[in-house]
Amino acid sequence: FAVTGVIATFKVFPNPFGDQITFNVVRPVSRPSAVFLKLVDARGAVLRNEKYTLESGNTQITLRNLQSISPGIYYTIIVTEDGTILGKEKIVKN
């Protein structure tokens, strides 16, 4: 499943995930930009909030060491430094 916005498209895999999850982000802009990748539980608690640089075109980001996260439903959110949400995806932990 892909989330499409004005400034980015991203896919999350695998879903359901185990100890890691990968994001494939496509941006049509010409300059790199910083984003925050958040992993949020169903109650809204932020479990991970990591800063990355998205290049123009395709950027792949992998969150690792997720084995301590309990099975359940989570959300991934990609947000720019100014707070613009590029995408949000519901994911499941095995």
PDB file of N, CA and C in Angstrom:
ATOM      1  N   PHE A   1       0.847  -1.184   0.000  1.00  0.00           N
ATOM      2  CA  PHE A   1       0.000   0.000   0.000  1.00  0.00           C
ATOM      3  C   PHE A   1       0.883   1.235   0.000  1.00  0.00           C
ATOM      4  N   ALA A   2       0.607   2.172  -0.813  1.00  0.00           N
ATOM      5  CA  ALA A   2       1.393   3.406  -0.909  1.00  0.00           C
ATOM      6  C   ALA A   2       0.531   4.592  -0.527  1.00  0.00           C
ATOM      7  N   VAL A   3       1.156   5.544   0.138  1.00  0.00           N
ATOM      8  CA  VAL A   3       0.492   6.800   0.472  1.00  0.00           C
ATOM      9  C   VAL A   3       1.053   7.849  -0.473  1.00  0.00           C
ATOM     10  N   THR A   4       0.181   8.537  -1.196  1.00  0.00           N
ATOM     11  CA  THR A   4       0.633   9.518  -2.165  1.00  0.00           C
ATOM     12  C   THR A   4       0.210  10.907  -1.717  1.00  0.00           C
ATOM     13  N   GLY A   5       1.160  11.845  -1.729  1.00  0.00           N
ATOM     14  CA  GLY A   5       0.865  13.222  -1.393  1.00  0.00           C
ATOM     15  C   GLY A   5       1.447  14.119  -2.456  1.00  0.00           C
ATOM     16  N   VAL A   6       1.404  15.388  -2.225  1.00  0.00           N
ATOM     17  CA  VAL A   6       1.929  16.349  -3.180  1.00  0.00           C
ATOM     18  C   VAL A   6       3.445  16.246  -3.264  1.00  0.00           C
ATOM     19  N   ILE A   7       4.089  15.935  -2.134  1.00  0.00           N
ATOM     20  CA  ILE A   7       5.544  16.018  -2.103  1.00  0.00           C
ATOM     21  C   ILE A   7       6.258  14.690  -1.899  1.00  0.00           C
ATOM     22  N   ALA A   8       5.543  13.598  -1.674  1.00  0.00           N
ATOM     23  CA  ALA A   8       6.231  12.320  -1.480  1.00  0.00           C
ATOM     24  C   ALA A   8       5.266  11.164  -1.659  1.00  0.00           C
ATOM     25  N   THR A   9       5.827  10.012  -2.017  1.00  0.00           N
ATOM     26  CA  THR A   9       5.117   8.746  -2.036  1.00  0.00           C
ATOM     27  C   THR A   9       5.968   7.772  -1.236  1.00  0.00           C
ATOM     28  N   PHE A  10       5.333   6.987  -0.354  1.00  0.00           N
ATOM     29  CA  PHE A  10       6.146   6.012   0.348  1.00  0.00           C
ATOM     30  C   PHE A  10       5.426   4.685   0.498  1.00  0.00           C
ATOM     31  N   LYS A  11       6.242   3.628   0.552  1.00  0.00           N
ATOM     32  CA  LYS A  11       5.767   2.265   0.766  1.00  0.00           C
ATOM     33  C   LYS A  11       6.480   1.731   1.994  1.00  0.00           C
ATOM     34  N   VAL A  12       5.766   0.938   2.778  1.00  0.00           N
ATOM     35  CA  VAL A  12       6.306   0.339   3.986  1.00  0.00           C
ATOM     36  C   VAL A  12       6.274  -1.171   3.816  1.00  0.00           C
ATOM     37  N   PHE A  13       7.393  -1.844   4.109  1.00  0.00           N
ATOM     38  CA  PHE A  13       7.428  -3.303   3.998  1.00  0.00           C
ATOM     39  C   PHE A  13       8.470  -3.881   4.939  1.00  0.00           C
ATOM     40  N   PRO A  14       8.331  -5.101   5.395  1.00  0.00           N
ATOM     41  CA  PRO A  14       7.123  -5.922   5.251  1.00  0.00           C
ATOM     42  C   PRO A  14       6.043  -5.444   6.203  1.00  0.00           C
ATOM     43  N   ASN A  15       4.833  -5.785   5.908  1.00  0.00           N
ATOM     44  CA  ASN A  15       3.714  -5.463   6.780  1.00  0.00           C
ATOM     45  C   ASN A  15       2.765  -6.649   6.744  1.00  0.00           C
ATOM     46  N   PRO A  16       2.733  -7.452   7.799  1.00  0.00           N
ATOM     47  CA  PRO A  16       3.267  -7.252   9.132  1.00  0.00           C
ATOM     48  C   PRO A  16       4.796  -7.350   9.179  1.00  0.00           C
ATOM     49  N   PHE A  17       5.384  -6.691  10.215  1.00  0.00           N
ATOM     50  CA  PHE A  17       6.838  -6.664  10.369  1.00  0.00           C
ATOM     51  C   PHE A  17       7.277  -7.441  11.605  1.00  0.00           C
ATOM     52  N   GLY A  18       8.588  -7.724  11.642  1.00  0.00           N
ATOM     53  CA  GLY A  18       9.178  -8.437  12.768  1.00  0.00           C
ATOM     54  C   GLY A  18      10.150  -7.552  13.514  1.00  0.00           C
ATOM     55  N   ASP A  19      11.453  -7.744  13.259  1.00  0.00           N
ATOM     56  CA  ASP A  19      12.461  -6.954  13.984  1.00  0.00           C
ATOM     57  C   ASP A  19      12.936  -5.735  13.209  1.00  0.00           C
ATOM     58  N   GLN A  20      12.457  -5.554  11.977  1.00  0.00           N
ATOM     59  CA  GLN A  20      12.798  -4.350  11.217  1.00  0.00           C
ATOM     60  C   GLN A  20      11.711  -4.049  10.200  1.00  0.00           C
ATOM     61  N   ILE A  21      11.684  -2.789   9.772  1.00  0.00           N
ATOM     62  CA  ILE A  21      10.729  -2.356   8.761  1.00  0.00           C
ATOM     63  C   ILE A  21      11.429  -1.352   7.848  1.00  0.00           C
ATOM     64  N   THR A  22      11.118  -1.412   6.562  1.00  0.00           N
ATOM     65  CA  THR A  22      11.784  -0.566   5.574  1.00  0.00           C
ATOM     66  C   THR A  22      10.771   0.363   4.909  1.00  0.00           C
ATOM     67  N   PHE A  23      11.221   1.580   4.671  1.00  0.00           N
ATOM     68  CA  PHE A  23      10.428   2.603   3.996  1.00  0.00           C
ATOM     69  C   PHE A  23      11.119   2.952   2.697  1.00  0.00           C
ATOM     70  N   ASN A  24      10.379   2.930   1.613  1.00  0.00           N
ATOM     71  CA  ASN A  24      10.881   3.368   0.326  1.00  0.00           C
ATOM     72  C   ASN A  24      10.151   4.677   0.008  1.00  0.00           C
ATOM     73  N   VAL A  25      10.887   5.800   0.046  1.00  0.00           N
ATOM     74  CA  VAL A  25      10.286   7.124  -0.107  1.00  0.00           C
ATOM     75  C   VAL A  25      10.733   7.722  -1.436  1.00  0.00           C
ATOM     76  N   VAL A  26       9.783   8.191  -2.229  1.00  0.00           N
ATOM     77  CA  VAL A  26      10.080   8.831  -3.508  1.00  0.00           C
ATOM     78  C   VAL A  26       9.657  10.285  -3.409  1.00  0.00           C
ATOM     79  N   ARG A  27      10.618  11.192  -3.674  1.00  0.00           N
ATOM     80  CA  ARG A  27      10.339  12.640  -3.646  1.00  0.00           C
ATOM     81  C   ARG A  27      10.727  13.260  -4.972  1.00  0.00           C
ATOM     82  N   PRO A  28       9.849  14.036  -5.583  1.00  0.00           N
ATOM     83  CA  PRO A  28      10.159  14.657  -6.865  1.00  0.00           C
ATOM     84  C   PRO A  28      10.899  15.985  -6.749  1.00  0.00           C
ATOM     85  N   VAL A  29      11.245  16.418  -5.532  1.00  0.00           N
ATOM     86  CA  VAL A  29      11.907  17.718  -5.367  1.00  0.00           C
ATOM     87  C   VAL A  29      13.384  17.627  -5.707  1.00  0.00           C
ATOM     88  N   SER A  30      14.005  18.775  -5.937  1.00  0.00           N
ATOM     89  CA  SER A  30      15.384  18.784  -6.432  1.00  0.00           C
ATOM     90  C   SER A  30      16.447  18.883  -5.339  1.00  0.00           C
ATOM     91  N   ARG A  31      16.056  19.166  -4.096  1.00  0.00           N
ATOM     92  CA  ARG A  31      17.077  19.316  -3.058  1.00  0.00           C
ATOM     93  C   ARG A  31      16.762  18.396  -1.877  1.00  0.00           C
ATOM     94  N   PRO A  32      17.803  17.951  -1.173  1.00  0.00           N
ATOM     95  CA  PRO A  32      17.594  17.095   0.001  1.00  0.00           C
ATOM     96  C   PRO A  32      16.829  17.848   1.090  1.00  0.00           C
ATOM     97  N   SER A  33      16.093  17.108   1.914  1.00  0.00           N
ATOM     98  CA  SER A  33      15.387  17.726   3.025  1.00  0.00           C
ATOM     99  C   SER A  33      15.338  16.761   4.202  1.00  0.00           C
ATOM    100  N   ALA A  34      15.324  17.324   5.403  1.00  0.00           N
ATOM    101  CA  ALA A  34      15.269  16.521   6.619  1.00  0.00           C
ATOM    102  C   ALA A  34      13.829  16.162   6.941  1.00  0.00           C
ATOM    103  N   VAL A  35      13.640  14.932   7.405  1.00  0.00           N
ATOM    104  CA  VAL A  35      12.329  14.473   7.853  1.00  0.00           C
ATOM    105  C   VAL A  35      12.500  13.681   9.144  1.00  0.00           C
ATOM    106  N   PHE A  36      11.405  13.545   9.849  1.00  0.00           N
ATOM    107  CA  PHE A  36      11.370  12.694  11.030  1.00  0.00           C
ATOM    108  C   PHE A  36      10.477  11.506  10.720  1.00  0.00           C
ATOM    109  N   LEU A  37      10.974  10.320  11.039  1.00  0.00           N
ATOM    110  CA  LEU A  37      10.226   9.086  10.878  1.00  0.00           C
ATOM    111  C   LEU A  37       9.785   8.652  12.266  1.00  0.00           C
ATOM    112  N   LYS A  38       8.474   8.610  12.468  1.00  0.00           N
ATOM    113  CA  LYS A  38       7.932   8.281  13.783  1.00  0.00           C
ATOM    114  C   LYS A  38       7.231   6.936  13.736  1.00  0.00           C
ATOM    115  N   LEU A  39       7.415   6.163  14.796  1.00  0.00           N
ATOM    116  CA  LEU A  39       6.686   4.922  15.007  1.00  0.00           C
ATOM    117  C   LEU A  39       5.831   5.153  16.243  1.00  0.00           C
ATOM    118  N   VAL A  40       4.504   5.055  16.073  1.00  0.00           N
ATOM    119  CA  VAL A  40       3.555   5.430  17.113  1.00  0.00           C
ATOM    120  C   VAL A  40       2.645   4.242  17.410  1.00  0.00           C
ATOM    121  N   ASP A  41       2.374   4.000  18.701  1.00  0.00           N
ATOM    122  CA  ASP A  41       1.464   2.906  19.034  1.00  0.00           C
ATOM    123  C   ASP A  41       0.016   3.358  18.907  1.00  0.00           C
ATOM    124  N   ALA A  42      -0.922   2.441  19.122  1.00  0.00           N
ATOM    125  CA  ALA A  42      -2.348   2.732  18.936  1.00  0.00           C
ATOM    126  C   ALA A  42      -2.872   3.772  19.928  1.00  0.00           C
ATOM    127  N   ARG A  43      -2.180   3.972  21.061  1.00  0.00           N
ATOM    128  CA  ARG A  43      -2.585   4.981  22.049  1.00  0.00           C
ATOM    129  C   ARG A  43      -2.030   6.357  21.716  1.00  0.00           C
ATOM    130  N   GLY A  44      -1.136   6.432  20.706  1.00  0.00           N
ATOM    131  CA  GLY A  44      -0.537   7.705  20.322  1.00  0.00           C
ATOM    132  C   GLY A  44       0.836   7.960  20.906  1.00  0.00           C
ATOM    133  N   ALA A  45       1.369   7.002  21.674  1.00  0.00           N
ATOM    134  CA  ALA A  45       2.709   7.154  22.245  1.00  0.00           C
ATOM    135  C   ALA A  45       3.765   6.962  21.162  1.00  0.00           C
ATOM    136  N   VAL A  46       4.721   7.875  21.088  1.00  0.00           N
ATOM    137  CA  VAL A  46       5.790   7.790  20.092  1.00  0.00           C
ATOM    138  C   VAL A  46       6.868   6.847  20.613  1.00  0.00           C
ATOM    139  N   LEU A  47       7.083   5.742  19.899  1.00  0.00           N
ATOM    140  CA  LEU A  47       8.075   4.745  20.296  1.00  0.00           C
ATOM    141  C   LEU A  47       9.436   5.030  19.679  1.00  0.00           C
ATOM    142  N   ARG A  48       9.444   5.551  18.471  1.00  0.00           N
ATOM    143  CA  ARG A  48      10.679   5.937  17.789  1.00  0.00           C
ATOM    144  C   ARG A  48      10.420   7.247  17.069  1.00  0.00           C
ATOM    145  N   ASN A  49      11.425   8.130  17.080  1.00  0.00           N
ATOM    146  CA  ASN A  49      11.346   9.406  16.371  1.00  0.00           C
ATOM    147  C   ASN A  49      12.760   9.699  15.879  1.00  0.00           C
ATOM    148  N   GLU A  50      13.040   9.345  14.647  1.00  0.00           N
ATOM    149  CA  GLU A  50      14.398   9.439  14.113  1.00  0.00           C
ATOM    150  C   GLU A  50      14.453  10.387  12.927  1.00  0.00           C
ATOM    151  N   LYS A  51      15.522  11.150  12.869  1.00  0.00           N
ATOM    152  CA  LYS A  51      15.704  12.138  11.808  1.00  0.00           C
ATOM    153  C   LYS A  51      16.524  11.529  10.663  1.00  0.00           C
ATOM    154  N   TYR A  52      16.063  11.773   9.437  1.00  0.00           N
ATOM    155  CA  TYR A  52      16.732  11.288   8.233  1.00  0.00           C
ATOM    156  C   TYR A  52      16.759  12.399   7.195  1.00  0.00           C
ATOM    157  N   THR A  53      17.631  12.257   6.225  1.00  0.00           N
ATOM    158  CA  THR A  53      17.666  13.168   5.082  1.00  0.00           C
ATOM    159  C   THR A  53      17.114  12.448   3.869  1.00  0.00           C
ATOM    160  N   LEU A  54      16.091  13.029   3.259  1.00  0.00           N
ATOM    161  CA  LEU A  54      15.543  12.489   2.017  1.00  0.00           C
ATOM    162  C   LEU A  54      16.208  13.180   0.852  1.00  0.00           C
ATOM    163  N   GLU A  55      16.730  12.399  -0.048  1.00  0.00           N
ATOM    164  CA  GLU A  55      17.319  12.924  -1.279  1.00  0.00           C
ATOM    165  C   GLU A  55      16.221  13.043  -2.324  1.00  0.00           C
ATOM    166  N   SER A  56      16.500  13.770  -3.379  1.00  0.00           N
ATOM    167  CA  SER A  56      15.582  13.821  -4.504  1.00  0.00           C
ATOM    168  C   SER A  56      15.517  12.434  -5.122  1.00  0.00           C
ATOM    169  N   GLY A  57      14.353  12.016  -5.505  1.00  0.00           N
ATOM    170  CA  GLY A  57      14.207  10.687  -6.082  1.00  0.00           C
ATOM    171  C   GLY A  57      13.872   9.680  -5.002  1.00  0.00           C
ATOM    172  N   ASN A  58      14.588   8.552  -4.994  1.00  0.00           N
ATOM    173  CA  ASN A  58      14.283   7.424  -4.128  1.00  0.00           C
ATOM    174  C   ASN A  58      15.227   7.359  -2.929  1.00  0.00           C
ATOM    175  N   THR A  59      14.661   7.261  -1.718  1.00  0.00           N
ATOM    176  CA  THR A  59      15.446   7.058  -0.501  1.00  0.00           C
ATOM    177  C   THR A  59      14.861   5.870   0.232  1.00  0.00           C
ATOM    178  N   GLN A  60      15.732   4.955   0.675  1.00  0.00           N
ATOM    179  CA  GLN A  60      15.281   3.808   1.448  1.00  0.00           C
ATOM    180  C   GLN A  60      15.778   3.948   2.883  1.00  0.00           C
ATOM    181  N   ILE A  61      14.865   3.790   3.841  1.00  0.00           N
ATOM    182  CA  ILE A  61      15.171   3.915   5.261  1.00  0.00           C
ATOM    183  C   ILE A  61      14.728   2.626   5.943  1.00  0.00           C
ATOM    184  N   THR A  62      15.587   2.068   6.796  1.00  0.00           N
ATOM    185  CA  THR A  62      15.225   0.871   7.539  1.00  0.00           C
ATOM    186  C   THR A  62      15.325   1.138   9.031  1.00  0.00           C
ATOM    187  N   LEU A  63      14.225   0.889   9.741  1.00  0.00           N
ATOM    188  CA  LEU A  63      14.241   0.921  11.200  1.00  0.00           C
ATOM    189  C   LEU A  63      14.561  -0.495  11.669  1.00  0.00           C
ATOM    190  N   ARG A  64      15.620  -0.616  12.462  1.00  0.00           N
ATOM    191  CA  ARG A  64      16.061  -1.923  12.941  1.00  0.00           C
ATOM    192  C   ARG A  64      15.857  -2.028  14.457  1.00  0.00           C
ATOM    193  N   ASN A  65      16.120  -3.212  14.972  1.00  0.00           N
ATOM    194  CA  ASN A  65      16.054  -3.479  16.414  1.00  0.00           C
ATOM    195  C   ASN A  65      14.667  -3.215  16.985  1.00  0.00           C
ATOM    196  N   LEU A  66      13.667  -3.733  16.303  1.00  0.00           N
ATOM    197  CA  LEU A  66      12.285  -3.556  16.742  1.00  0.00           C
ATOM    198  C   LEU A  66      11.751  -4.793  17.471  1.00  0.00           C
ATOM    199  N   GLN A  67      12.628  -5.742  17.799  1.00  0.00           N
ATOM    200  CA  GLN A  67      12.188  -6.989  18.418  1.00  0.00           C
ATOM    201  C   GLN A  67      11.567  -6.781  19.794  1.00  0.00           C
ATOM    202  N   SER A  68      11.903  -5.696  20.495  1.00  0.00           N
ATOM    203  CA  SER A  68      11.346  -5.465  21.831  1.00  0.00           C
ATOM    204  C   SER A  68       9.940  -4.865  21.793  1.00  0.00           C
ATOM    205  N   ILE A  69       9.469  -4.489  20.624  1.00  0.00           N
ATOM    206  CA  ILE A  69       8.125  -3.928  20.491  1.00  0.00           C
ATOM    207  C   ILE A  69       7.104  -5.068  20.504  1.00  0.00           C
ATOM    208  N   SER A  70       6.074  -4.915  21.314  1.00  0.00           N
ATOM    209  CA  SER A  70       5.038  -5.948  21.451  1.00  0.00           C
ATOM    210  C   SER A  70       4.217  -6.079  20.173  1.00  0.00           C
ATOM    211  N   PRO A  71       3.707  -7.279  19.897  1.00  0.00           N
ATOM    212  CA  PRO A  71       2.810  -7.447  18.754  1.00  0.00           C
ATOM    213  C   PRO A  71       1.593  -6.537  18.886  1.00  0.00           C
ATOM    214  N   GLY A  72       1.140  -6.012  17.755  1.00  0.00           N
ATOM    215  CA  GLY A  72      -0.030  -5.142  17.770  1.00  0.00           C
ATOM    216  C   GLY A  72      -0.065  -4.221  16.575  1.00  0.00           C
ATOM    217  N   ILE A  73      -0.941  -3.222  16.643  1.00  0.00           N
ATOM    218  CA  ILE A  73      -1.127  -2.259  15.559  1.00  0.00           C
ATOM    219  C   ILE A  73      -0.358  -0.984  15.894  1.00  0.00           C
ATOM    220  N   TYR A  74       0.356  -0.466  14.884  1.00  0.00           N
ATOM    221  CA  TYR A  74       1.167   0.745  15.033  1.00  0.00           C
ATOM    222  C   TYR A  74       0.950   1.623  13.813  1.00  0.00           C
ATOM    223  N   TYR A  75       1.463   2.842  13.897  1.00  0.00           N
ATOM    224  CA  TYR A  75       1.409   3.772  12.774  1.00  0.00           C
ATOM    225  C   TYR A  75       2.800   4.313  12.516  1.00  0.00           C
ATOM    226  N   THR A  76       3.142   4.469  11.255  1.00  0.00           N
ATOM    227  CA  THR A  76       4.371   5.148  10.877  1.00  0.00           C
ATOM    228  C   THR A  76       3.976   6.478  10.254  1.00  0.00           C
ATOM    229  N   ILE A  77       4.689   7.509  10.638  1.00  0.00           N
ATOM    230  CA  ILE A  77       4.384   8.848  10.152  1.00  0.00           C
ATOM    231  C   ILE A  77       5.693   9.488   9.704  1.00  0.00           C
ATOM    232  N   ILE A  78       5.707  10.056   8.518  1.00  0.00           N
ATOM    233  CA  ILE A  78       6.866  10.804   8.026  1.00  0.00           C
ATOM    234  C   ILE A  78       6.480  12.277   8.030  1.00  0.00           C
ATOM    235  N   VAL A  79       7.274  13.094   8.755  1.00  0.00           N
ATOM    236  CA  VAL A  79       6.968  14.507   8.972  1.00  0.00           C
ATOM    237  C   VAL A  79       8.189  15.352   8.627  1.00  0.00           C
ATOM    238  N   THR A  80       7.978  16.475   7.946  1.00  0.00           N
ATOM    239  CA  THR A  80       9.080  17.393   7.654  1.00  0.00           C
ATOM    240  C   THR A  80       9.420  18.198   8.906  1.00  0.00           C
ATOM    241  N   GLU A  81      10.541  18.919   8.851  1.00  0.00           N
ATOM    242  CA  GLU A  81      10.956  19.736   9.991  1.00  0.00           C
ATOM    243  C   GLU A  81       9.937  20.816  10.342  1.00  0.00           C
ATOM    244  N   ASP A  82       9.174  21.285   9.349  1.00  0.00           N
ATOM    245  CA  ASP A  82       8.172  22.318   9.632  1.00  0.00           C
ATOM    246  C   ASP A  82       6.816  21.734  10.035  1.00  0.00           C
ATOM    247  N   GLY A  83       6.741  20.407  10.196  1.00  0.00           N
ATOM    248  CA  GLY A  83       5.527  19.764  10.678  1.00  0.00           C
ATOM    249  C   GLY A  83       4.583  19.242   9.615  1.00  0.00           C
ATOM    250  N   THR A  84       4.938  19.368   8.339  1.00  0.00           N
ATOM    251  CA  THR A  84       4.096  18.847   7.266  1.00  0.00           C
ATOM    252  C   THR A  84       4.160  17.325   7.251  1.00  0.00           C
ATOM    253  N   ILE A  85       3.017  16.676   7.292  1.00  0.00           N
ATOM    254  CA  ILE A  85       2.974  15.215   7.251  1.00  0.00           C
ATOM    255  C   ILE A  85       3.037  14.768   5.796  1.00  0.00           C
ATOM    256  N   LEU A  86       4.073  14.000   5.478  1.00  0.00           N
ATOM    257  CA  LEU A  86       4.234  13.474   4.117  1.00  0.00           C
ATOM    258  C   LEU A  86       3.414  12.210   3.921  1.00  0.00           C
ATOM    259  N   GLY A  87       3.191  11.474   4.998  1.00  0.00           N
ATOM    260  CA  GLY A  87       2.406  10.258   4.883  1.00  0.00           C
ATOM    261  C   GLY A  87       2.254   9.566   6.213  1.00  0.00           C
ATOM    262  N   LYS A  88       1.224   8.722   6.292  1.00  0.00           N
ATOM    263  CA  LYS A  88       0.942   7.957   7.499  1.00  0.00           C
ATOM    264  C   LYS A  88       0.454   6.593   7.048  1.00  0.00           C
ATOM    265  N   GLU A  89       0.920   5.555   7.723  1.00  0.00           N
ATOM    266  CA  GLU A  89       0.578   4.190   7.332  1.00  0.00           C
ATOM    267  C   GLU A  89       0.333   3.345   8.576  1.00  0.00           C
ATOM    268  N   LYS A  90      -0.733   2.551   8.559  1.00  0.00           N
ATOM    269  CA  LYS A  90      -0.992   1.597   9.640  1.00  0.00           C
ATOM    270  C   LYS A  90      -0.192   0.330   9.352  1.00  0.00           C
ATOM    271  N   ILE A  91       0.518  -0.152  10.372  1.00  0.00           N
ATOM    272  CA  ILE A  91       1.319  -1.359  10.226  1.00  0.00           C
ATOM    273  C   ILE A  91       1.026  -2.297  11.393  1.00  0.00           C
ATOM    274  N   VAL A  92       1.405  -3.565  11.232  1.00  0.00           N
ATOM    275  CA  VAL A  92       1.146  -4.585  12.243  1.00  0.00           C
ATOM    276  C   VAL A  92       2.459  -5.257  12.610  1.00  0.00           C
ATOM    277  N   LYS A  93       2.687  -5.428  13.920  1.00  0.00           N
ATOM    278  CA  LYS A  93       3.871  -6.140  14.423  1.00  0.00           C
ATOM    279  C   LYS A  93       3.458  -7.564  14.717  1.00  0.00           C
ATOM    280  N   ASN A  94       4.212  -8.543  14.184  1.00  0.00           N
ATOM    281  CA  ASN A  94       3.961  -9.965  14.464  1.00  0.00           C
ATOM    282  C   ASN A  94       4.371 -10.301  15.870  1.00  0.00           C
TER     283      ASN A  94
END
